[in-house]
């Protein structure tokens, strides 16, 4: 077998593994979406508890900053934030850097809600990995964190690719150096 043939075969194997990975990730997302739909109903707005959890994690943020952090539509974040404010889980406070703007700040009740949600989420996932070796769970966690970091790092290129556009030049150049 020549080097060119070997290289082509290896590229095909890598392409197949990447395709299998994408399919598995989509299967995972589909399963979680199905579980979520059974809990909240298919017409439910995106869960504001996710937004609340990110706000607790990131700390006080302007609505637009939070939307950017989540790569979410600002109007959706604004609507969800309003729901959280009405529920007493978030409050709006004047931004010390610009008094005309407001920050979304989780309340004590909001922090408690996130803590309860995390405990329930952990209890729900525990049976899935109960018979796994602790090293396997740690490996999965490490790989998921790496994958998420990669998504964040290459977000613009991914969006451009999925939308059928070319990635911004800075992203293409960054990719050439990896």
C-alpha atoms as a PDB file:
ATOM      1  CA  UNK A   1       0.000   0.000   0.000  1.00  0.00           C
ATOM      2  CA  UNK A   2       1.418   3.400  -0.945  1.00  0.00           C
ATOM      3  CA  UNK A   3       1.669   6.340   1.388  1.00  0.00           C
ATOM      4  CA  UNK A   4      -1.051   8.165  -0.561  1.00  0.00           C
ATOM      5  CA  UNK A   5      -3.396   5.189  -0.305  1.00  0.00           C
ATOM      6  CA  UNK A   6      -2.589   4.783   3.384  1.00  0.00           C
ATOM      7  CA  UNK A   7      -3.155   8.491   4.003  1.00  0.00           C
ATOM      8  CA  UNK A   8      -6.477   8.400   2.145  1.00  0.00           C
ATOM      9  CA  UNK A   9      -7.597   5.341   4.111  1.00  0.00           C
ATOM     10  CA  UNK A  10      -6.657   7.037   7.381  1.00  0.00           C
ATOM     11  CA  UNK A  11      -8.568  10.204   6.368  1.00  0.00           C
ATOM     12  CA  UNK A  12     -11.594   8.040   5.544  1.00  0.00           C
ATOM     13  CA  UNK A  13     -11.334   6.350   8.954  1.00  0.00           C
ATOM     14  CA  UNK A  14     -11.071   9.745  10.678  1.00  0.00           C
ATOM     15  CA  UNK A  15     -14.017  11.049   8.639  1.00  0.00           C
ATOM     16  CA  UNK A  16     -16.062   8.001   9.682  1.00  0.00           C
ATOM     17  CA  UNK A  17     -15.151   8.416  13.359  1.00  0.00           C
ATOM     18  CA  UNK A  18     -16.055  12.121  13.247  1.00  0.00           C
ATOM     19  CA  UNK A  19     -19.346  11.265  11.524  1.00  0.00           C
ATOM     20  CA  UNK A  20     -20.060   8.582  14.155  1.00  0.00           C
ATOM     21  CA  UNK A  21     -19.227  11.108  16.904  1.00  0.00           C
ATOM     22  CA  UNK A  22     -21.596  13.698  15.419  1.00  0.00           C
ATOM     23  CA  UNK A  23     -24.336  11.063  15.149  1.00  0.00           C
ATOM     24  CA  UNK A  24     -23.810   9.977  18.757  1.00  0.00           C
ATOM     25  CA  UNK A  25     -23.918  13.572  19.997  1.00  0.00           C
ATOM     26  CA  UNK A  26     -27.152  14.163  18.079  1.00  0.00           C
ATOM     27  CA  UNK A  27     -28.581  10.929  19.529  1.00  0.00           C
ATOM     28  CA  UNK A  28     -27.675  12.160  23.025  1.00  0.00           C
ATOM     29  CA  UNK A  29     -29.289  15.550  22.422  1.00  0.00           C
ATOM     30  CA  UNK A  30     -32.399  13.880  21.001  1.00  0.00           C
ATOM     31  CA  UNK A  31     -32.731  11.636  24.043  1.00  0.00           C
ATOM     32  CA  UNK A  32     -32.363  14.565  26.451  1.00  0.00           C
ATOM     33  CA  UNK A  33     -34.864  16.576  24.407  1.00  0.00           C
ATOM     34  CA  UNK A  34     -37.312  13.665  24.641  1.00  0.00           C
ATOM     35  CA  UNK A  35     -36.865  13.449  28.406  1.00  0.00           C
ATOM     36  CA  UNK A  36     -37.283  17.220  28.737  1.00  0.00           C
ATOM     37  CA  UNK A  37     -40.445  17.157  26.598  1.00  0.00           C
ATOM     38  CA  UNK A  38     -41.924  14.454  28.834  1.00  0.00           C
ATOM     39  CA  UNK A  39     -41.271  16.652  31.874  1.00  0.00           C
ATOM     40  CA  UNK A  40     -42.151  20.120  30.539  1.00  0.00           C
ATOM     41  CA  UNK A  41     -44.241  19.413  27.452  1.00  0.00           C
ATOM     42  CA  UNK A  42     -43.163  19.944  23.842  1.00  0.00           C
ATOM     43  CA  UNK A  43     -44.426  23.539  23.656  1.00  0.00           C
ATOM     44  CA  UNK A  44     -42.590  24.760  26.771  1.00  0.00           C
ATOM     45  CA  UNK A  45     -40.271  27.723  26.343  1.00  0.00           C
ATOM     46  CA  UNK A  46     -36.604  26.973  26.916  1.00  0.00           C
ATOM     47  CA  UNK A  47     -36.161  26.260  30.593  1.00  0.00           C
ATOM     48  CA  UNK A  48     -35.319  29.450  32.495  1.00  0.00           C
ATOM     49  CA  UNK A  49     -33.647  27.314  35.202  1.00  0.00           C
ATOM     50  CA  UNK A  50     -30.786  26.765  32.738  1.00  0.00           C
ATOM     51  CA  UNK A  51     -30.442  30.544  32.406  1.00  0.00           C
ATOM     52  CA  UNK A  52     -30.630  30.905  36.183  1.00  0.00           C
ATOM     53  CA  UNK A  53     -27.939  28.243  36.667  1.00  0.00           C
ATOM     54  CA  UNK A  54     -25.631  30.032  34.244  1.00  0.00           C
ATOM     55  CA  UNK A  55     -26.297  33.342  35.981  1.00  0.00           C
ATOM     56  CA  UNK A  56     -25.404  31.772  39.338  1.00  0.00           C
ATOM     57  CA  UNK A  57     -22.233  30.339  37.742  1.00  0.00           C
ATOM     58  CA  UNK A  58     -21.130  33.496  35.874  1.00  0.00           C
ATOM     59  CA  UNK A  59     -22.292  36.008  38.475  1.00  0.00           C
ATOM     60  CA  UNK A  60     -24.289  39.197  37.857  1.00  0.00           C
ATOM     61  CA  UNK A  61     -24.602  40.004  34.161  1.00  0.00           C
ATOM     62  CA  UNK A  62     -26.425  42.305  31.818  1.00  0.00           C
ATOM     63  CA  UNK A  63     -29.043  40.480  29.820  1.00  0.00           C
ATOM     64  CA  UNK A  64     -27.101  41.016  26.565  1.00  0.00           C
ATOM     65  CA  UNK A  65     -23.887  39.673  28.107  1.00  0.00           C
ATOM     66  CA  UNK A  66     -25.708  36.608  29.357  1.00  0.00           C
ATOM     67  CA  UNK A  67     -27.176  36.027  25.887  1.00  0.00           C
ATOM     68  CA  UNK A  68     -23.676  36.235  24.402  1.00  0.00           C
ATOM     69  CA  UNK A  69     -22.280  33.878  27.086  1.00  0.00           C
ATOM     70  CA  UNK A  70     -24.982  31.353  26.200  1.00  0.00           C
ATOM     71  CA  UNK A  71     -24.879  31.975  22.448  1.00  0.00           C
ATOM     72  CA  UNK A  72     -28.625  32.590  22.760  1.00  0.00           C
ATOM     73  CA  UNK A  73     -31.090  34.998  21.226  1.00  0.00           C
ATOM     74  CA  UNK A  74     -31.206  38.187  23.343  1.00  0.00           C
ATOM     75  CA  UNK A  75     -35.015  38.355  23.170  1.00  0.00           C
ATOM     76  CA  UNK A  76     -35.292  34.811  24.558  1.00  0.00           C
ATOM     77  CA  UNK A  77     -32.903  35.643  27.395  1.00  0.00           C
ATOM     78  CA  UNK A  78     -34.811  38.845  28.119  1.00  0.00           C
ATOM     79  CA  UNK A  79     -38.142  36.985  28.237  1.00  0.00           C
ATOM     80  CA  UNK A  80     -36.725  34.257  30.489  1.00  0.00           C
ATOM     81  CA  UNK A  81     -35.074  36.840  32.750  1.00  0.00           C
ATOM     82  CA  UNK A  82     -38.426  38.620  33.132  1.00  0.00           C
ATOM     83  CA  UNK A  83     -39.996  35.286  34.165  1.00  0.00           C
ATOM     84  CA  UNK A  84     -37.237  34.718  36.727  1.00  0.00           C
ATOM     85  CA  UNK A  85     -37.676  38.243  38.112  1.00  0.00           C
ATOM     86  CA  UNK A  86     -41.447  37.686  38.489  1.00  0.00           C
ATOM     87  CA  UNK A  87     -40.729  34.422  40.327  1.00  0.00           C
ATOM     88  CA  UNK A  88     -38.376  36.209  42.725  1.00  0.00           C
ATOM     89  CA  UNK A  89     -35.385  34.121  41.601  1.00  0.00           C
ATOM     90  CA  UNK A  90     -33.522  37.042  40.006  1.00  0.00           C
ATOM     91  CA  UNK A  91     -33.530  40.755  40.673  1.00  0.00           C
ATOM     92  CA  UNK A  92     -32.460  43.655  38.523  1.00  0.00           C
ATOM     93  CA  UNK A  93     -29.859  45.955  40.068  1.00  0.00           C
ATOM     94  CA  UNK A  94     -28.292  49.111  38.675  1.00  0.00           C
ATOM     95  CA  UNK A  95     -25.033  48.420  36.870  1.00  0.00           C
ATOM     96  CA  UNK A  96     -22.318  50.227  38.885  1.00  0.00           C
ATOM     97  CA  UNK A  97     -20.413  50.887  35.627  1.00  0.00           C
ATOM     98  CA  UNK A  98     -23.453  52.390  33.882  1.00  0.00           C
ATOM     99  CA  UNK A  99     -26.410  53.400  36.023  1.00  0.00           C
ATOM    100  CA  UNK A 100     -28.689  53.401  32.957  1.00  0.00           C
ATOM    101  CA  UNK A 101     -28.194  49.653  32.549  1.00  0.00           C
ATOM    102  CA  UNK A 102     -29.239  46.879  34.898  1.00  0.00           C
ATOM    103  CA  UNK A 103     -27.591  43.679  36.004  1.00  0.00           C
ATOM    104  CA  UNK A 104     -29.410  40.397  36.524  1.00  0.00           C
ATOM    105  CA  UNK A 105     -28.529  39.121  39.981  1.00  0.00           C
ATOM    106  CA  UNK A 106     -29.703  35.785  41.400  1.00  0.00           C
ATOM    107  CA  UNK A 107     -31.548  36.058  44.708  1.00  0.00           C
ATOM    108  CA  UNK A 108     -31.044  33.690  47.646  1.00  0.00           C
ATOM    109  CA  UNK A 109     -34.193  31.863  46.461  1.00  0.00           C
ATOM    110  CA  UNK A 110     -32.692  31.631  42.970  1.00  0.00           C
ATOM    111  CA  UNK A 111     -29.446  30.162  44.275  1.00  0.00           C
ATOM    112  CA  UNK A 112     -31.413  27.618  46.343  1.00  0.00           C
ATOM    113  CA  UNK A 113     -33.479  26.695  43.261  1.00  0.00           C
ATOM    114  CA  UNK A 114     -30.284  26.047  41.273  1.00  0.00           C
ATOM    115  CA  UNK A 115     -28.878  23.938  44.127  1.00  0.00           C
ATOM    116  CA  UNK A 116     -32.069  21.813  44.197  1.00  0.00           C
ATOM    117  CA  UNK A 117     -31.980  21.469  40.407  1.00  0.00           C
ATOM    118  CA  UNK A 118     -28.331  20.327  40.477  1.00  0.00           C
ATOM    119  CA  UNK A 119     -29.083  17.733  43.166  1.00  0.00           C
ATOM    120  CA  UNK A 120     -32.044  16.344  41.171  1.00  0.00           C
ATOM    121  CA  UNK A 121     -29.991  16.359  37.969  1.00  0.00           C
ATOM    122  CA  UNK A 122     -27.213  14.433  39.717  1.00  0.00           C
ATOM    123  CA  UNK A 123     -29.711  11.930  41.111  1.00  0.00           C
ATOM    124  CA  UNK A 124     -31.169  11.456  37.615  1.00  0.00           C
ATOM    125  CA  UNK A 125     -27.778  10.812  35.997  1.00  0.00           C
ATOM    126  CA  UNK A 126     -26.356   8.619  38.766  1.00  0.00           C
ATOM    127  CA  UNK A 127     -28.101   5.390  37.643  1.00  0.00           C
ATOM    128  CA  UNK A 128     -26.713   5.783  34.107  1.00  0.00           C
ATOM    129  CA  UNK A 129     -23.126   5.590  35.341  1.00  0.00           C
ATOM    130  CA  UNK A 130     -23.690   3.565  38.534  1.00  0.00           C
ATOM    131  CA  UNK A 131     -21.967   0.467  37.176  1.00  0.00           C
ATOM    132  CA  UNK A 132     -19.116   2.372  35.521  1.00  0.00           C
ATOM    133  CA  UNK A 133     -15.617   2.408  36.946  1.00  0.00           C
ATOM    134  CA  UNK A 134     -14.862   5.776  38.600  1.00  0.00           C
ATOM    135  CA  UNK A 135     -12.006   6.255  36.099  1.00  0.00           C
ATOM    136  CA  UNK A 136     -14.477   5.906  33.208  1.00  0.00           C
ATOM    137  CA  UNK A 137     -16.762   8.545  34.689  1.00  0.00           C
ATOM    138  CA  UNK A 138     -13.768  10.857  35.159  1.00  0.00           C
ATOM    139  CA  UNK A 139     -12.589  10.196  31.606  1.00  0.00           C
ATOM    140  CA  UNK A 140     -16.044  10.985  30.211  1.00  0.00           C
ATOM    141  CA  UNK A 141     -16.162  14.198  32.241  1.00  0.00           C
ATOM    142  CA  UNK A 142     -12.684  15.246  31.060  1.00  0.00           C
ATOM    143  CA  UNK A 143     -13.538  14.531  27.421  1.00  0.00           C
ATOM    144  CA  UNK A 144     -16.877  16.346  27.626  1.00  0.00           C
ATOM    145  CA  UNK A 145     -15.175  19.387  29.135  1.00  0.00           C
ATOM    146  CA  UNK A 146     -12.585  19.320  26.338  1.00  0.00           C
ATOM    147  CA  UNK A 147     -15.315  19.006  23.724  1.00  0.00           C
ATOM    148  CA  UNK A 148     -17.298  21.911  25.226  1.00  0.00           C
ATOM    149  CA  UNK A 149     -14.150  24.056  25.324  1.00  0.00           C
ATOM    150  CA  UNK A 150     -13.582  23.199  21.660  1.00  0.00           C
ATOM    151  CA  UNK A 151     -17.149  24.205  20.828  1.00  0.00           C
ATOM    152  CA  UNK A 152     -16.593  27.536  22.545  1.00  0.00           C
ATOM    153  CA  UNK A 153     -13.242  28.053  20.828  1.00  0.00           C
ATOM    154  CA  UNK A 154     -14.556  27.253  17.342  1.00  0.00           C
ATOM    155  CA  UNK A 155     -18.137  28.543  17.722  1.00  0.00           C
ATOM    156  CA  UNK A 156     -17.991  31.020  14.816  1.00  0.00           C
ATOM    157  CA  UNK A 157     -16.490  28.462  12.432  1.00  0.00           C
ATOM    158  CA  UNK A 158     -19.072  25.859  13.460  1.00  0.00           C
ATOM    159  CA  UNK A 159     -21.960  28.285  12.935  1.00  0.00           C
ATOM    160  CA  UNK A 160     -20.545  29.383   9.573  1.00  0.00           C
ATOM    161  CA  UNK A 161     -20.012  25.790   8.468  1.00  0.00           C
ATOM    162  CA  UNK A 162     -23.465  24.652   9.558  1.00  0.00           C
ATOM    163  CA  UNK A 163     -25.024  27.691   7.853  1.00  0.00           C
ATOM    164  CA  UNK A 164     -23.050  26.985   4.670  1.00  0.00           C
ATOM    165  CA  UNK A 165     -20.784  30.033   4.988  1.00  0.00           C
ATOM    166  CA  UNK A 166     -17.059  30.338   5.315  1.00  0.00           C
ATOM    167  CA  UNK A 167     -15.635  30.933   8.783  1.00  0.00           C
ATOM    168  CA  UNK A 168     -14.285  34.392   9.644  1.00  0.00           C
ATOM    169  CA  UNK A 169     -10.623  34.811   8.653  1.00  0.00           C
ATOM    170  CA  UNK A 170      -9.401  34.934  12.267  1.00  0.00           C
ATOM    171  CA  UNK A 171     -11.075  31.583  13.004  1.00  0.00           C
ATOM    172  CA  UNK A 172      -9.613  30.001   9.833  1.00  0.00           C
ATOM    173  CA  UNK A 173      -6.126  31.225  10.735  1.00  0.00           C
ATOM    174  CA  UNK A 174      -6.535  29.967  14.307  1.00  0.00           C
ATOM    175  CA  UNK A 175      -7.582  26.558  12.975  1.00  0.00           C
ATOM    176  CA  UNK A 176      -4.466  26.403  10.782  1.00  0.00           C
ATOM    177  CA  UNK A 177      -2.268  26.623  13.864  1.00  0.00           C
ATOM    178  CA  UNK A 178      -3.937  23.757  15.781  1.00  0.00           C
END
